[in-house]
């Protein structure tokens, strides 16, 4: 369909909407609340990936001390770290599937 016809149809729809003859399309997005994790859950998630605390820290983009603190309950992950933990909990192979963790044979 030529671009002129697309524009003509769009203008006709805009006029019909203004006259109340046409309802506008709407999309509703729901953002799932951020999960919170206990120290035991964090360690279980890390163990399910097969990563050491050092490798898991690099994957998460935090220091090893931070992972140690999460697993000991001295500190708790926030925001983006919780989203990444949730995705990893759902799929322990997510670090590799996402390309963040790359395994190379020697």
PDB file of N, CA and C in Angstrom:
ATOM      1  N   UNK A   1       0.851  -1.173   0.000  1.00  0.00           N
ATOM      2  CA  UNK A   1       0.000   0.000   0.000  1.00  0.00           C
ATOM      3  C   UNK A   1       0.904   1.246   0.000  1.00  0.00           C
ATOM      4  N   UNK A   2       0.652   2.179  -0.897  1.00  0.00           N
ATOM      5  CA  UNK A   2       1.459   3.406  -0.952  1.00  0.00           C
ATOM      6  C   UNK A   2       1.341   4.208   0.359  1.00  0.00           C
ATOM      7  N   UNK A   3       2.367   4.945   0.659  1.00  0.00           N
ATOM      8  CA  UNK A   3       2.417   5.738   1.896  1.00  0.00           C
ATOM      9  C   UNK A   3       1.255   6.727   1.976  1.00  0.00           C
ATOM     10  N   UNK A   4       0.865   7.293   0.839  1.00  0.00           N
ATOM     11  CA  UNK A   4      -0.254   8.246   0.839  1.00  0.00           C
ATOM     12  C   UNK A   4      -1.518   7.580   1.370  1.00  0.00           C
ATOM     13  N   UNK A   5      -1.770   6.341   0.955  1.00  0.00           N
ATOM     14  CA  UNK A   5      -2.959   5.626   1.416  1.00  0.00           C
ATOM     15  C   UNK A   5      -2.893   5.364   2.922  1.00  0.00           C
ATOM     16  N   UNK A   6      -1.706   5.031   3.429  1.00  0.00           N
ATOM     17  CA  UNK A   6      -1.526   4.822   4.867  1.00  0.00           C
ATOM     18  C   UNK A   6      -1.847   6.102   5.639  1.00  0.00           C
ATOM     19  N   UNK A   7      -1.353   7.227   5.139  1.00  0.00           N
ATOM     20  CA  UNK A   7      -1.602   8.522   5.792  1.00  0.00           C
ATOM     21  C   UNK A   7      -3.091   8.848   5.764  1.00  0.00           C
ATOM     22  N   UNK A   8      -3.713   8.612   4.625  1.00  0.00           N
ATOM     23  CA  UNK A   8      -5.139   8.897   4.458  1.00  0.00           C
ATOM     24  C   UNK A   8      -5.975   8.061   5.442  1.00  0.00           C
ATOM     25  N   UNK A   9      -5.634   6.783   5.571  1.00  0.00           N
ATOM     26  CA  UNK A   9      -6.345   5.911   6.512  1.00  0.00           C
ATOM     27  C   UNK A   9      -6.130   6.396   7.941  1.00  0.00           C
ATOM     28  N   UNK A  10      -4.887   6.737   8.267  1.00  0.00           N
ATOM     29  CA  UNK A  10      -4.570   7.230   9.616  1.00  0.00           C
ATOM     30  C   UNK A  10      -5.323   8.504   9.952  1.00  0.00           C
ATOM     31  N   UNK A  11      -5.404   9.428   9.004  1.00  0.00           N
ATOM     32  CA  UNK A  11      -6.145  10.675   9.230  1.00  0.00           C
ATOM     33  C   UNK A  11      -7.634  10.387   9.409  1.00  0.00           C
ATOM     34  N   UNK A  12      -8.153   9.460   8.624  1.00  0.00           N
ATOM     35  CA  UNK A  12      -9.558   9.083   8.761  1.00  0.00           C
ATOM     36  C   UNK A  12      -9.837   8.493  10.138  1.00  0.00           C
ATOM     37  N   UNK A  13      -8.919   7.672  10.628  1.00  0.00           N
ATOM     38  CA  UNK A  13      -9.071   7.095  11.963  1.00  0.00           C
ATOM     39  C   UNK A  13      -8.981   8.172  13.043  1.00  0.00           C
ATOM     40  N   UNK A  14      -8.098   9.143  12.868  1.00  0.00           N
ATOM     41  CA  UNK A  14      -7.967  10.238  13.838  1.00  0.00           C
ATOM     42  C   UNK A  14      -9.255  11.057  13.891  1.00  0.00           C
ATOM     43  N   UNK A  15      -9.847  11.311  12.731  1.00  0.00           N
ATOM     44  CA  UNK A  15     -11.111  12.065  12.675  1.00  0.00           C
ATOM     45  C   UNK A  15     -12.220  11.265  13.350  1.00  0.00           C
ATOM     46  N   UNK A  16     -12.311   9.968  13.035  1.00  0.00           N
ATOM     47  CA  UNK A  16     -13.326   9.109  13.668  1.00  0.00           C
ATOM     48  C   UNK A  16     -13.150   9.060  15.178  1.00  0.00           C
ATOM     49  N   UNK A  17     -11.901   9.033  15.652  1.00  0.00           N
ATOM     50  CA  UNK A  17     -11.634   9.024  17.094  1.00  0.00           C
ATOM     51  C   UNK A  17     -12.139  10.321  17.724  1.00  0.00           C
ATOM     52  N   UNK A  18     -11.835  11.451  17.098  1.00  0.00           N
ATOM     53  CA  UNK A  18     -12.268  12.754  17.614  1.00  0.00           C
ATOM     54  C   UNK A  18     -13.788  12.869  17.658  1.00  0.00           C
ATOM     55  N   UNK A  19     -14.465  12.236  16.718  1.00  0.00           N
ATOM     56  CA  UNK A  19     -15.933  12.285  16.663  1.00  0.00           C
ATOM     57  C   UNK A  19     -16.560  11.236  17.588  1.00  0.00           C
ATOM     58  N   UNK A  20     -15.720  10.427  18.248  1.00  0.00           N
ATOM     59  CA  UNK A  20     -16.231   9.404  19.145  1.00  0.00           C
ATOM     60  C   UNK A  20     -16.694   8.143  18.440  1.00  0.00           C
ATOM     61  N   UNK A  21     -16.374   8.002  17.179  1.00  0.00           N
ATOM     62  CA  UNK A  21     -16.789   6.829  16.408  1.00  0.00           C
ATOM     63  C   UNK A  21     -15.795   5.664  16.533  1.00  0.00           C
ATOM     64  N   UNK A  22     -14.613   5.948  17.063  1.00  0.00           N
ATOM     65  CA  UNK A  22     -13.567   4.938  17.129  1.00  0.00           C
ATOM     66  C   UNK A  22     -12.867   5.035  18.480  1.00  0.00           C
ATOM     67  N   UNK A  23     -12.631   3.907  19.096  1.00  0.00           N
ATOM     68  CA  UNK A  23     -11.900   3.891  20.368  1.00  0.00           C
ATOM     69  C   UNK A  23     -10.411   3.740  20.085  1.00  0.00           C
ATOM     70  N   UNK A  24      -9.620   4.411  20.891  1.00  0.00           N
ATOM     71  CA  UNK A  24      -8.167   4.313  20.738  1.00  0.00           C
ATOM     72  C   UNK A  24      -7.683   2.982  21.302  1.00  0.00           C
ATOM     73  N   UNK A  25      -6.647   2.432  20.674  1.00  0.00           N
ATOM     74  CA  UNK A  25      -6.036   1.212  21.179  1.00  0.00           C
ATOM     75  C   UNK A  25      -5.159   1.571  22.366  1.00  0.00           C
ATOM     76  N   UNK A  26      -5.229   0.748  23.397  1.00  0.00           N
ATOM     77  CA  UNK A  26      -4.383   0.978  24.561  1.00  0.00           C
ATOM     78  C   UNK A  26      -3.660  -0.311  24.925  1.00  0.00           C
ATOM     79  N   UNK A  27      -2.511  -0.156  25.498  1.00  0.00           N
ATOM     80  CA  UNK A  27      -1.734  -1.286  25.991  1.00  0.00           C
ATOM     81  C   UNK A  27      -1.421  -1.018  27.453  1.00  0.00           C
ATOM     82  N   UNK A  28      -1.688  -2.002  28.286  1.00  0.00           N
ATOM     83  CA  UNK A  28      -1.409  -1.870  29.708  1.00  0.00           C
ATOM     84  C   UNK A  28      -0.206  -2.738  30.060  1.00  0.00           C
ATOM     85  N   UNK A  29       0.776  -2.132  30.681  1.00  0.00           N
ATOM     86  CA  UNK A  29       1.960  -2.853  31.135  1.00  0.00           C
ATOM     87  C   UNK A  29       1.910  -2.983  32.641  1.00  0.00           C
ATOM     88  N   UNK A  30       2.237  -4.139  33.136  1.00  0.00           N
ATOM     89  CA  UNK A  30       2.342  -4.354  34.571  1.00  0.00           C
ATOM     90  C   UNK A  30       3.785  -4.707  34.875  1.00  0.00           C
ATOM     91  N   UNK A  31       4.402  -3.951  35.747  1.00  0.00           N
ATOM     92  CA  UNK A  31       5.776  -4.218  36.146  1.00  0.00           C
ATOM     93  C   UNK A  31       5.720  -5.053  37.421  1.00  0.00           C
ATOM     94  N   UNK A  32       6.305  -6.241  37.348  1.00  0.00           N
ATOM     95  CA  UNK A  32       6.303  -7.148  38.484  1.00  0.00           C
ATOM     96  C   UNK A  32       7.177  -6.549  39.586  1.00  0.00           C
ATOM     97  N   UNK A  33       6.701  -6.593  40.832  1.00  0.00           N
ATOM     98  CA  UNK A  33       7.517  -6.058  41.928  1.00  0.00           C
ATOM     99  C   UNK A  33       8.866  -6.774  42.021  1.00  0.00           C
ATOM    100  N   UNK A  34       9.845  -6.089  42.549  1.00  0.00           N
ATOM    101  CA  UNK A  34      11.186  -6.648  42.707  1.00  0.00           C
ATOM    102  C   UNK A  34      11.160  -7.695  43.815  1.00  0.00           C
ATOM    103  N   UNK A  35      11.708  -8.874  43.500  1.00  0.00           N
ATOM    104  CA  UNK A  35      11.807  -9.940  44.500  1.00  0.00           C
ATOM    105  C   UNK A  35      12.882  -9.583  45.514  1.00  0.00           C
ATOM    106  N   UNK A  36      12.699 -10.085  46.714  1.00  0.00           N
ATOM    107  CA  UNK A  36      13.715  -9.965  47.771  1.00  0.00           C
ATOM    108  C   UNK A  36      14.221 -11.369  48.056  1.00  0.00           C
ATOM    109  N   UNK A  37      15.481 -11.489  48.411  1.00  0.00           N
ATOM    110  CA  UNK A  37      16.091 -12.789  48.599  1.00  0.00           C
ATOM    111  C   UNK A  37      16.757 -12.894  49.957  1.00  0.00           C
ATOM    112  N   UNK A  38      16.600 -14.074  50.576  1.00  0.00           N
ATOM    113  CA  UNK A  38      17.284 -14.341  51.840  1.00  0.00           C
ATOM    114  C   UNK A  38      18.718 -14.741  51.522  1.00  0.00           C
ATOM    115  N   UNK A  39      19.596 -14.684  52.512  1.00  0.00           N
ATOM    116  CA  UNK A  39      20.974 -15.124  52.284  1.00  0.00           C
ATOM    117  C   UNK A  39      21.042 -16.568  51.764  1.00  0.00           C
ATOM    118  N   UNK A  40      20.179 -17.433  52.297  1.00  0.00           N
ATOM    119  CA  UNK A  40      20.154 -18.831  51.866  1.00  0.00           C
ATOM    120  C   UNK A  40      19.732 -18.955  50.396  1.00  0.00           C
ATOM    121  N   UNK A  41      18.760 -18.154  49.991  1.00  0.00           N
ATOM    122  CA  UNK A  41      18.312 -18.178  48.591  1.00  0.00           C
ATOM    123  C   UNK A  41      19.421 -17.712  47.650  1.00  0.00           C
ATOM    124  N   UNK A  42      20.133 -16.681  48.047  1.00  0.00           N
ATOM    125  CA  UNK A  42      21.208 -16.148  47.207  1.00  0.00           C
ATOM    126  C   UNK A  42      22.285 -17.212  47.008  1.00  0.00           C
ATOM    127  N   UNK A  43      22.663 -17.873  48.101  1.00  0.00           N
ATOM    128  CA  UNK A  43      23.678 -18.919  47.996  1.00  0.00           C
ATOM    129  C   UNK A  43      23.168 -20.075  47.137  1.00  0.00           C
ATOM    130  N   UNK A  44      21.899 -20.432  47.296  1.00  0.00           N
ATOM    131  CA  UNK A  44      21.312 -21.516  46.497  1.00  0.00           C
ATOM    132  C   UNK A  44      21.311 -21.144  45.011  1.00  0.00           C
ATOM    133  N   UNK A  45      20.974 -19.887  44.701  1.00  0.00           N
ATOM    134  CA  UNK A  45      20.991 -19.417  43.309  1.00  0.00           C
ATOM    135  C   UNK A  45      22.412 -19.501  42.751  1.00  0.00           C
ATOM    136  N   UNK A  46      23.381 -19.006  43.524  1.00  0.00           N
ATOM    137  CA  UNK A  46      24.778 -19.041  43.067  1.00  0.00           C
ATOM    138  C   UNK A  46      25.228 -20.483  42.842  1.00  0.00           C
ATOM    139  N   UNK A  47      24.928 -21.356  43.798  1.00  0.00           N
ATOM    140  CA  UNK A  47      25.325 -22.762  43.662  1.00  0.00           C
ATOM    141  C   UNK A  47      24.663 -23.422  42.453  1.00  0.00           C
ATOM    142  N   UNK A  48      23.426 -23.025  42.147  1.00  0.00           N
ATOM    143  CA  UNK A  48      22.729 -23.621  41.002  1.00  0.00           C
ATOM    144  C   UNK A  48      23.403 -23.263  39.672  1.00  0.00           C
ATOM    145  N   UNK A  49      24.143 -22.161  39.662  1.00  0.00           N
ATOM    146  CA  UNK A  49      24.853 -21.749  38.444  1.00  0.00           C
ATOM    147  C   UNK A  49      26.204 -22.442  38.319  1.00  0.00           C
ATOM    148  N   UNK A  50      26.677 -23.010  39.430  1.00  0.00           N
ATOM    149  CA  UNK A  50      27.997 -23.640  39.428  1.00  0.00           C
ATOM    150  C   UNK A  50      29.133 -22.645  39.518  1.00  0.00           C
ATOM    151  N   UNK A  51      28.819 -21.394  39.850  1.00  0.00           N
ATOM    152  CA  UNK A  51      29.840 -20.346  39.919  1.00  0.00           C
ATOM    153  C   UNK A  51      30.380 -20.197  41.336  1.00  0.00           C
ATOM    154  N   UNK A  52      31.654 -19.874  41.438  1.00  0.00           N
ATOM    155  CA  UNK A  52      32.258 -19.533  42.724  1.00  0.00           C
ATOM    156  C   UNK A  52      31.779 -18.139  43.121  1.00  0.00           C
ATOM    157  N   UNK A  53      32.059 -17.750  44.360  1.00  0.00           N
ATOM    158  CA  UNK A  53      31.698 -16.394  44.777  1.00  0.00           C
ATOM    159  C   UNK A  53      32.395 -15.358  43.902  1.00  0.00           C
ATOM    160  N   UNK A  54      33.634 -15.612  43.527  1.00  0.00           N
ATOM    161  CA  UNK A  54      34.375 -14.668  42.680  1.00  0.00           C
ATOM    162  C   UNK A  54      33.716 -14.542  41.309  1.00  0.00           C
ATOM    163  N   UNK A  55      33.425 -15.681  40.676  1.00  0.00           N
ATOM    164  CA  UNK A  55      32.799 -15.651  39.347  1.00  0.00           C
ATOM    165  C   UNK A  55      31.393 -15.052  39.421  1.00  0.00           C
ATOM    166  N   UNK A  56      30.660 -15.410  40.467  1.00  0.00           N
ATOM    167  CA  UNK A  56      29.300 -14.884  40.631  1.00  0.00           C
ATOM    168  C   UNK A  56      29.330 -13.366  40.826  1.00  0.00           C
ATOM    169  N   UNK A  57      30.309 -12.890  41.582  1.00  0.00           N
ATOM    170  CA  UNK A  57      30.459 -11.445  41.794  1.00  0.00           C
ATOM    171  C   UNK A  57      30.715 -10.734  40.465  1.00  0.00           C
ATOM    172  N   UNK A  58      31.585 -11.309  39.643  1.00  0.00           N
ATOM    173  CA  UNK A  58      31.864 -10.708  38.329  1.00  0.00           C
ATOM    174  C   UNK A  58      30.598 -10.717  37.468  1.00  0.00           C
ATOM    175  N   UNK A  59      29.864 -11.831  37.503  1.00  0.00           N
ATOM    176  CA  UNK A  59      28.605 -11.943  36.760  1.00  0.00           C
ATOM    177  C   UNK A  59      27.609 -10.866  37.214  1.00  0.00           C
ATOM    178  N   UNK A  60      27.503 -10.673  38.516  1.00  0.00           N
ATOM    179  CA  UNK A  60      26.545  -9.707  39.074  1.00  0.00           C
ATOM    180  C   UNK A  60      27.034  -8.264  38.959  1.00  0.00           C
ATOM    181  N   UNK A  61      28.330  -8.085  38.708  1.00  0.00           N
ATOM    182  CA  UNK A  61      28.883  -6.737  38.609  1.00  0.00           C
ATOM    183  C   UNK A  61      29.116  -6.089  39.962  1.00  0.00           C
ATOM    184  N   UNK A  62      29.426  -6.929  40.953  1.00  0.00           N
ATOM    185  CA  UNK A  62      29.690  -6.440  42.306  1.00  0.00           C
ATOM    186  C   UNK A  62      30.998  -7.052  42.801  1.00  0.00           C
ATOM    187  N   UNK A  63      31.436  -6.644  43.960  1.00  0.00           N
ATOM    188  CA  UNK A  63      32.669  -7.201  44.516  1.00  0.00           C
ATOM    189  C   UNK A  63      32.394  -8.542  45.196  1.00  0.00           C
ATOM    190  N   UNK A  64      33.451  -9.305  45.398  1.00  0.00           N
ATOM    191  CA  UNK A  64      33.332 -10.578  46.121  1.00  0.00           C
ATOM    192  C   UNK A  64      32.848 -10.303  47.542  1.00  0.00           C
ATOM    193  N   UNK A  65      33.333  -9.237  48.143  1.00  0.00           N
ATOM    194  CA  UNK A  65      32.897  -8.865  49.508  1.00  0.00           C
ATOM    195  C   UNK A  65      31.391  -8.650  49.554  1.00  0.00           C
ATOM    196  N   UNK A  66      30.827  -8.095  48.483  1.00  0.00           N
ATOM    197  CA  UNK A  66      29.382  -7.868  48.431  1.00  0.00           C
ATOM    198  C   UNK A  66      28.635  -9.192  48.405  1.00  0.00           C
ATOM    199  N   UNK A  67      29.089 -10.134  47.579  1.00  0.00           N
ATOM    200  CA  UNK A  67      28.451 -11.453  47.521  1.00  0.00           C
ATOM    201  C   UNK A  67      28.578 -12.144  48.873  1.00  0.00           C
ATOM    202  N   UNK A  68      29.754 -12.058  49.483  1.00  0.00           N
ATOM    203  CA  UNK A  68      29.955 -12.647  50.812  1.00  0.00           C
ATOM    204  C   UNK A  68      28.972 -12.037  51.816  1.00  0.00           C
ATOM    205  N   UNK A  69      28.803 -10.717  51.756  1.00  0.00           N
ATOM    206  CA  UNK A  69      27.891 -10.029  52.680  1.00  0.00           C
ATOM    207  C   UNK A  69      26.438 -10.439  52.428  1.00  0.00           C
ATOM    208  N   UNK A  70      26.052 -10.597  51.159  1.00  0.00           N
ATOM    209  CA  UNK A  70      24.694 -11.052  50.838  1.00  0.00           C
ATOM    210  C   UNK A  70      24.448 -12.430  51.421  1.00  0.00           C
ATOM    211  N   UNK A  71      25.401 -13.331  51.216  1.00  0.00           N
ATOM    212  CA  UNK A  71      25.235 -14.717  51.661  1.00  0.00           C
ATOM    213  C   UNK A  71      25.321 -14.846  53.174  1.00  0.00           C
ATOM    214  N   UNK A  72      25.972 -13.900  53.831  1.00  0.00           N
ATOM    215  CA  UNK A  72      26.072 -13.919  55.294  1.00  0.00           C
ATOM    216  C   UNK A  72      24.934 -13.134  55.945  1.00  0.00           C
ATOM    217  N   UNK A  73      24.152 -12.421  55.148  1.00  0.00           N
ATOM    218  CA  UNK A  73      23.039 -11.640  55.688  1.00  0.00           C
ATOM    219  C   UNK A  73      23.449 -10.294  56.263  1.00  0.00           C
ATOM    220  N   UNK A  74      24.680  -9.859  56.000  1.00  0.00           N
ATOM    221  CA  UNK A  74      25.135  -8.556  56.494  1.00  0.00           C
ATOM    222  C   UNK A  74      24.665  -7.414  55.602  1.00  0.00           C
ATOM    223  N   UNK A  75      24.303  -7.753  54.377  1.00  0.00           N
ATOM    224  CA  UNK A  75      23.862  -6.767  53.404  1.00  0.00           C
ATOM    225  C   UNK A  75      22.848  -7.452  52.500  1.00  0.00           C
ATOM    226  N   UNK A  76      22.054  -6.678  51.782  1.00  0.00           N
ATOM    227  CA  UNK A  76      21.027  -7.239  50.919  1.00  0.00           C
ATOM    228  C   UNK A  76      21.099  -6.596  49.533  1.00  0.00           C
ATOM    229  N   UNK A  77      20.924  -7.411  48.494  1.00  0.00           N
ATOM    230  CA  UNK A  77      20.925  -6.844  47.137  1.00  0.00           C
ATOM    231  C   UNK A  77      19.730  -5.934  46.921  1.00  0.00           C
ATOM    232  N   UNK A  78      19.888  -4.976  46.047  1.00  0.00           N
ATOM    233  CA  UNK A  78      18.827  -4.022  45.738  1.00  0.00           C
ATOM    234  C   UNK A  78      18.598  -3.969  44.230  1.00  0.00           C
ATOM    235  N   UNK A  79      17.470  -3.422  43.843  1.00  0.00           N
ATOM    236  CA  UNK A  79      17.153  -3.069  42.468  1.00  0.00           C
ATOM    237  C   UNK A  79      17.576  -4.054  41.397  1.00  0.00           C
ATOM    238  N   UNK A  80      18.496  -3.605  40.549  1.00  0.00           N
ATOM    239  CA  UNK A  80      18.925  -4.378  39.395  1.00  0.00           C
ATOM    240  C   UNK A  80      19.516  -5.717  39.801  1.00  0.00           C
ATOM    241  N   UNK A  81      20.255  -5.757  40.893  1.00  0.00           N
ATOM    242  CA  UNK A  81      20.835  -7.023  41.357  1.00  0.00           C
ATOM    243  C   UNK A  81      19.721  -8.024  41.666  1.00  0.00           C
ATOM    244  N   UNK A  82      18.625  -7.561  42.258  1.00  0.00           N
ATOM    245  CA  UNK A  82      17.496  -8.448  42.554  1.00  0.00           C
ATOM    246  C   UNK A  82      16.835  -8.946  41.269  1.00  0.00           C
ATOM    247  N   UNK A  83      16.720  -8.090  40.267  1.00  0.00           N
ATOM    248  CA  UNK A  83      16.155  -8.515  38.977  1.00  0.00           C
ATOM    249  C   UNK A  83      17.030  -9.602  38.360  1.00  0.00           C
ATOM    250  N   UNK A  84      18.360  -9.415  38.399  1.00  0.00           N
ATOM    251  CA  UNK A  84      19.281 -10.387  37.832  1.00  0.00           C
ATOM    252  C   UNK A  84      19.236 -11.694  38.628  1.00  0.00           C
ATOM    253  N   UNK A  85      19.141 -11.598  39.934  1.00  0.00           N
ATOM    254  CA  UNK A  85      19.003 -12.797  40.759  1.00  0.00           C
ATOM    255  C   UNK A  85      17.718 -13.552  40.412  1.00  0.00           C
ATOM    256  N   UNK A  86      16.632 -12.833  40.212  1.00  0.00           N
ATOM    257  CA  UNK A  86      15.352 -13.468  39.880  1.00  0.00           C
ATOM    258  C   UNK A  86      15.436 -14.198  38.537  1.00  0.00           C
ATOM    259  N   UNK A  87      16.060 -13.580  37.551  1.00  0.00           N
ATOM    260  CA  UNK A  87      16.208 -14.224  36.241  1.00  0.00           C
ATOM    261  C   UNK A  87      17.095 -15.466  36.357  1.00  0.00           C
ATOM    262  N   UNK A  88      18.129 -15.386  37.179  1.00  0.00           N
ATOM    263  CA  UNK A  88      19.042 -16.510  37.365  1.00  0.00           C
ATOM    264  C   UNK A  88      18.367 -17.622  38.157  1.00  0.00           C
ATOM    265  N   UNK A  89      17.522 -17.247  39.107  1.00  0.00           N
ATOM    266  CA  UNK A  89      16.769 -18.253  39.875  1.00  0.00           C
ATOM    267  C   UNK A  89      15.842 -19.036  38.947  1.00  0.00           C
ATOM    268  N   UNK A  90      15.155 -18.331  38.047  1.00  0.00           N
ATOM    269  CA  UNK A  90      14.245 -18.985  37.092  1.00  0.00           C
ATOM    270  C   UNK A  90      14.998 -19.898  36.126  1.00  0.00           C
ATOM    271  N   UNK A  91      16.222 -19.482  35.754  1.00  0.00           N
ATOM    272  CA  UNK A  91      17.000 -20.256  34.790  1.00  0.00           C
ATOM    273  C   UNK A  91      18.477 -20.188  35.177  1.00  0.00           C
ATOM    274  N   UNK A  92      18.972 -21.207  35.896  1.00  0.00           N
ATOM    275  CA  UNK A  92      20.374 -21.191  36.326  1.00  0.00           C
ATOM    276  C   UNK A  92      21.390 -21.108  35.182  1.00  0.00           C
ATOM    277  N   UNK A  93      20.963 -21.404  33.965  1.00  0.00           N
ATOM    278  CA  UNK A  93      21.885 -21.277  32.831  1.00  0.00           C
ATOM    279  C   UNK A  93      21.821 -19.888  32.204  1.00  0.00           C
ATOM    280  N   UNK A  94      21.042 -18.988  32.789  1.00  0.00           N
ATOM    281  CA  UNK A  94      20.919 -17.627  32.261  1.00  0.00           C
ATOM    282  C   UNK A  94      22.267 -16.915  32.115  1.00  0.00           C
ATOM    283  N   UNK A  95      23.200 -17.059  33.066  1.00  0.00           N
ATOM    284  CA  UNK A  95      24.489 -16.370  32.878  1.00  0.00           C
ATOM    285  C   UNK A  95      25.169 -16.727  31.552  1.00  0.00           C
ATOM    286  N   UNK A  96      25.088 -18.006  31.164  1.00  0.00           N
ATOM    287  CA  UNK A  96      25.691 -18.428  29.900  1.00  0.00           C
ATOM    288  C   UNK A  96      24.803 -18.044  28.717  1.00  0.00           C
ATOM    289  N   UNK A  97      23.489 -18.275  28.840  1.00  0.00           N
ATOM    290  CA  UNK A  97      22.571 -17.971  27.741  1.00  0.00           C
ATOM    291  C   UNK A  97      22.593 -16.487  27.377  1.00  0.00           C
ATOM    292  N   UNK A  98      22.788 -15.647  28.391  1.00  0.00           N
ATOM    293  CA  UNK A  98      22.796 -14.203  28.149  1.00  0.00           C
ATOM    294  C   UNK A  98      24.113 -13.722  27.555  1.00  0.00           C
ATOM    295  N   UNK A  99      25.137 -14.588  27.612  1.00  0.00           N
ATOM    296  CA  UNK A  99      26.447 -14.200  27.093  1.00  0.00           C
ATOM    297  C   UNK A  99      27.298 -13.451  28.098  1.00  0.00           C
ATOM    298  N   UNK A 100      26.802 -13.339  29.331  1.00  0.00           N
ATOM    299  CA  UNK A 100      27.582 -12.653  30.370  1.00  0.00           C
ATOM    300  C   UNK A 100      28.723 -13.552  30.853  1.00  0.00           C
ATOM    301  N   UNK A 101      28.423 -14.846  30.988  1.00  0.00           N
ATOM    302  CA  UNK A 101      29.438 -15.817  31.370  1.00  0.00           C
ATOM    303  C   UNK A 101      29.711 -16.695  30.148  1.00  0.00           C
ATOM    304  N   UNK A 102      30.970 -16.725  29.757  1.00  0.00           N
ATOM    305  CA  UNK A 102      31.360 -17.496  28.567  1.00  0.00           C
ATOM    306  C   UNK A 102      32.334 -18.574  29.021  1.00  0.00           C
ATOM    307  N   UNK A 103      32.019 -19.810  28.657  1.00  0.00           N
ATOM    308  CA  UNK A 103      32.876 -20.949  29.002  1.00  0.00           C
ATOM    309  C   UNK A 103      33.753 -21.260  27.793  1.00  0.00           C
ATOM    310  N   UNK A 104      35.033 -21.375  28.042  1.00  0.00           N
ATOM    311  CA  UNK A 104      35.940 -21.723  26.945  1.00  0.00           C
ATOM    312  C   UNK A 104      36.706 -22.983  27.324  1.00  0.00           C
ATOM    313  N   UNK A 105      36.797 -23.892  26.377  1.00  0.00           N
ATOM    314  CA  UNK A 105      37.526 -25.147  26.601  1.00  0.00           C
ATOM    315  C   UNK A 105      39.022 -24.912  26.408  1.00  0.00           C
ATOM    316  N   UNK A 106      39.805 -25.607  27.216  1.00  0.00           N
ATOM    317  CA  UNK A 106      41.277 -25.480  27.099  1.00  0.00           C
ATOM    318  C   UNK A 106      41.867 -26.789  26.677  1.00  0.00           C
TER     319      UNK A 106
END
